[in-house]
C-alpha atoms as a PDB file:
ATOM      1  CA  MET A   1     115.330 135.221 127.593  1.00  0.00           C
ATOM      2  CA  LEU A   2     116.901 136.698 124.452  1.00  0.00           C
ATOM      3  CA  ALA A   3     120.333 136.094 125.924  1.00  0.00           C
ATOM      4  CA  LEU A   4     119.525 132.389 126.078  1.00  0.00           C
ATOM      5  CA  LEU A   5     118.383 132.341 122.457  1.00  0.00           C
ATOM      6  CA  ALA A   6     121.278 134.359 121.058  1.00  0.00           C
ATOM      7  CA  PRO A   7     123.619 131.364 120.557  1.00  0.00           C
ATOM      8  CA  LEU A   8     120.985 129.484 118.586  1.00  0.00           C
ATOM      9  CA  SER A   9     121.201 129.634 114.835  1.00  0.00           C
ATOM     10  CA  ALA A  10     118.466 131.195 112.706  1.00  0.00           C
ATOM     11  CA  ARG A  11     117.486 127.695 111.604  1.00  0.00           C
ATOM     12  CA  ALA A  12     116.936 126.554 115.178  1.00  0.00           C
ATOM     13  CA  LEU A  13     114.930 129.686 115.916  1.00  0.00           C
ATOM     14  CA  ALA A  14     112.722 128.967 112.920  1.00  0.00           C
ATOM     15  CA  LEU A  15     111.877 125.604 114.459  1.00  0.00           C
ATOM     16  CA  LEU A  16     110.767 127.343 117.645  1.00  0.00           C
ATOM     17  CA  ALA A  17     108.608 129.902 115.852  1.00  0.00           C
ATOM     18  CA  PRO A  18     104.926 129.110 115.498  1.00  0.00           C
ATOM     19  CA  VAL A  19     103.928 127.904 112.064  1.00  0.00           C
ATOM     20  CA  ARG A  20     101.220 130.246 110.807  1.00  0.00           C
ATOM     21  CA  TYR A  21     101.267 129.432 107.103  1.00  0.00           C
ATOM     22  CA  LEU A  22     100.002 125.850 107.477  1.00  0.00           C
ATOM     23  CA  LYS A  23      96.241 125.847 107.430  1.00  0.00           C
ATOM     24  CA  VAL A  24      94.547 122.473 107.512  1.00  0.00           C
ATOM     25  CA  THR A  25      90.804 122.487 107.201  1.00  0.00           C
ATOM     26  CA  MET A  26      88.958 119.588 108.757  1.00  0.00           C
ATOM     27  CA  ALA A  27      85.291 118.938 108.184  1.00  0.00           C
ATOM     28  CA  GLN A  28      82.949 117.938 110.950  1.00  0.00           C
ATOM     29  CA  LEU A  29      80.339 115.236 110.758  1.00  0.00           C
ATOM     30  CA  MET A  30      77.394 114.987 113.104  1.00  0.00           C
ATOM     31  CA  VAL A  31      75.429 111.762 113.154  1.00  0.00           C
ATOM     32  CA  ARG A  32      71.975 112.007 114.692  1.00  0.00           C
ATOM     33  CA  ASN A  33      69.301 109.561 115.782  1.00  0.00           C
ATOM     34  CA  LEU A  34      71.624 106.682 116.622  1.00  0.00           C
ATOM     35  CA  PRO A  35      70.212 103.870 118.712  1.00  0.00           C
ATOM     36  CA  GLU A  36      71.653 103.845 122.229  1.00  0.00           C
ATOM     37  CA  GLU A  37      73.004 100.295 121.783  1.00  0.00           C
ATOM     38  CA  LEU A  38      75.008 101.453 118.743  1.00  0.00           C
ATOM     39  CA  VAL A  39      76.556 104.304 120.724  1.00  0.00           C
ATOM     40  CA  LYS A  40      77.323 101.895 123.567  1.00  0.00           C
ATOM     41  CA  ALA A  41      78.980  99.459 121.146  1.00  0.00           C
ATOM     42  CA  LEU A  42      81.065 102.295 119.672  1.00  0.00           C
ATOM     43  CA  LYS A  43      82.242 103.352 123.130  1.00  0.00           C
ATOM     44  CA  GLN A  44      83.105  99.759 124.055  1.00  0.00           C
ATOM     45  CA  ARG A  45      85.045  99.281 120.834  1.00  0.00           C
ATOM     46  CA  ALA A  46      86.871 102.576 121.411  1.00  0.00           C
ATOM     47  CA  ALA A  47      87.817 101.528 124.954  1.00  0.00           C
ATOM     48  CA  LYS A  48      89.080  98.184 123.640  1.00  0.00           C
ATOM     49  CA  HIS A  49      91.402 100.074 121.242  1.00  0.00           C
ATOM     50  CA  ASN A  50      92.385 102.720 123.830  1.00  0.00           C
ATOM     51  CA  ARG A  51      90.805 105.504 121.772  1.00  0.00           C
ATOM     52  CA  SER A  52      88.077 108.052 122.261  1.00  0.00           C
ATOM     53  CA  ALA A  53      84.695 107.298 120.729  1.00  0.00           C
ATOM     54  CA  GLU A  54      85.324 110.151 118.281  1.00  0.00           C
ATOM     55  CA  GLU A  55      88.678 108.709 117.166  1.00  0.00           C
ATOM     56  CA  GLU A  56      87.146 105.237 116.874  1.00  0.00           C
ATOM     57  CA  HIS A  57      84.386 106.693 114.690  1.00  0.00           C
ATOM     58  CA  ARG A  58      87.033 108.276 112.426  1.00  0.00           C
ATOM     59  CA  GLU A  59      88.919 104.982 112.184  1.00  0.00           C
ATOM     60  CA  ILE A  60      85.745 103.063 111.269  1.00  0.00           C
ATOM     61  CA  LEU A  61      85.010 105.587 108.511  1.00  0.00           C
ATOM     62  CA  ARG A  62      88.616 105.420 107.228  1.00  0.00           C
ATOM     63  CA  ALA A  63      88.536 101.621 107.080  1.00  0.00           C
ATOM     64  CA  ALA A  64      85.125 101.528 105.400  1.00  0.00           C
ATOM     65  CA  LEU A  65      85.973 104.111 102.748  1.00  0.00           C
ATOM     66  CA  ARG A  66      89.583 103.165 102.023  1.00  0.00           C
ATOM     67  CA  ALA A  67      90.112 101.670  98.569  1.00  0.00           C
ATOM     68  CA  PRO A  68      90.576  97.906  98.657  1.00  0.00           C
ATOM     69  CA  ARG A  69      94.177  96.772  98.713  1.00  0.00           C
ATOM     70  CA  ARG A  70      95.316  95.314  95.400  1.00  0.00           C
ATOM     71  CA  ARG A  71      96.863  91.873  95.690  1.00  0.00           C
ATOM     72  CA  HIS A  72      99.723  90.508  93.615  1.00  0.00           C
ATOM     73  CA  VAL A  73      99.032  87.523  91.381  1.00  0.00           C
ATOM     74  CA  ALA A  74     101.418  85.377  93.425  1.00  0.00           C
ATOM     75  CA  GLU A  75      99.481  86.219  96.594  1.00  0.00           C
ATOM     76  CA  VAL A  76      96.175  85.278  94.948  1.00  0.00           C
ATOM     77  CA  LEU A  77      97.596  82.007  93.642  1.00  0.00           C
ATOM     78  CA  ALA A  78      99.119  81.151  97.032  1.00  0.00           C
ATOM     79  CA  SER A  79      95.734  81.685  98.689  1.00  0.00           C
ATOM     80  CA  MET A  80      93.986  79.160  96.422  1.00  0.00           C
ATOM     81  CA  PRO A  81      93.069  75.912  98.189  1.00  0.00           C
ATOM     82  CA  ASN A  82      94.849  72.681  97.356  1.00  0.00           C
ATOM     83  CA  VAL A  83      92.154  70.831  95.397  1.00  0.00           C
ATOM     84  CA  GLY A  84      93.971  67.790  94.085  1.00  0.00           C
ATOM     85  CA  ARG A  85      97.177  66.202  92.952  1.00  0.00           C
ATOM     86  CA  ASP A  86      99.272  67.576  90.097  1.00  0.00           C
ATOM     87  CA  GLU A  87      98.526  64.537  87.941  1.00  0.00           C
ATOM     88  CA  ASP A  88      94.803  65.383  88.147  1.00  0.00           C
ATOM     89  CA  PHE A  89      95.554  68.451  86.036  1.00  0.00           C
ATOM     90  CA  GLU A  90      97.906  66.974  83.452  1.00  0.00           C
ATOM     91  CA  ARG A  91      96.862  67.556  79.872  1.00  0.00           C
ATOM     92  CA  VAL A  92      96.347  64.410  77.885  1.00  0.00           C
ATOM     93  CA  ARG A  93      97.581  64.857  74.337  1.00  0.00           C
ATOM     94  CA  GLU A  94      95.570  63.121  71.655  1.00  0.00           C
ATOM     95  CA  PRO A  95      97.442  61.707  68.679  1.00  0.00           C
ATOM     96  CA  SER A  96      97.545  64.144  65.814  1.00  0.00           C
ATOM     97  CA  THR A  97      95.147  63.421  62.983  1.00  0.00           C
ATOM     98  CA  ARG A  98      96.721  65.880  60.567  1.00  0.00           C
ATOM     99  CA  ARG A  99      98.002  64.699  57.257  1.00  0.00           C
ATOM    100  CA  GLY A 100     101.047  66.379  56.035  1.00  0.00           C
END
């Protein structure tokens, strides 16, 4: 086996070595007393998305807790409904009453 690895560079060998210094801690969440129809709906939704019920649960939590996406002003303006003609919004200028 070592004879096969000998031609590989130290960099390539490092890629093959197990990574022991990365330690990712993941919390667990247990949800109790769920109605059976809710569990059934979760499983159906998971199957529809080709995921496990556990992964679907994680995705639902991610989506629910993710900060809302900020929209650009142009996007907000473009989403406004067309409520009239341009001339409906023209400003009518009154004659000036100033004395100069």
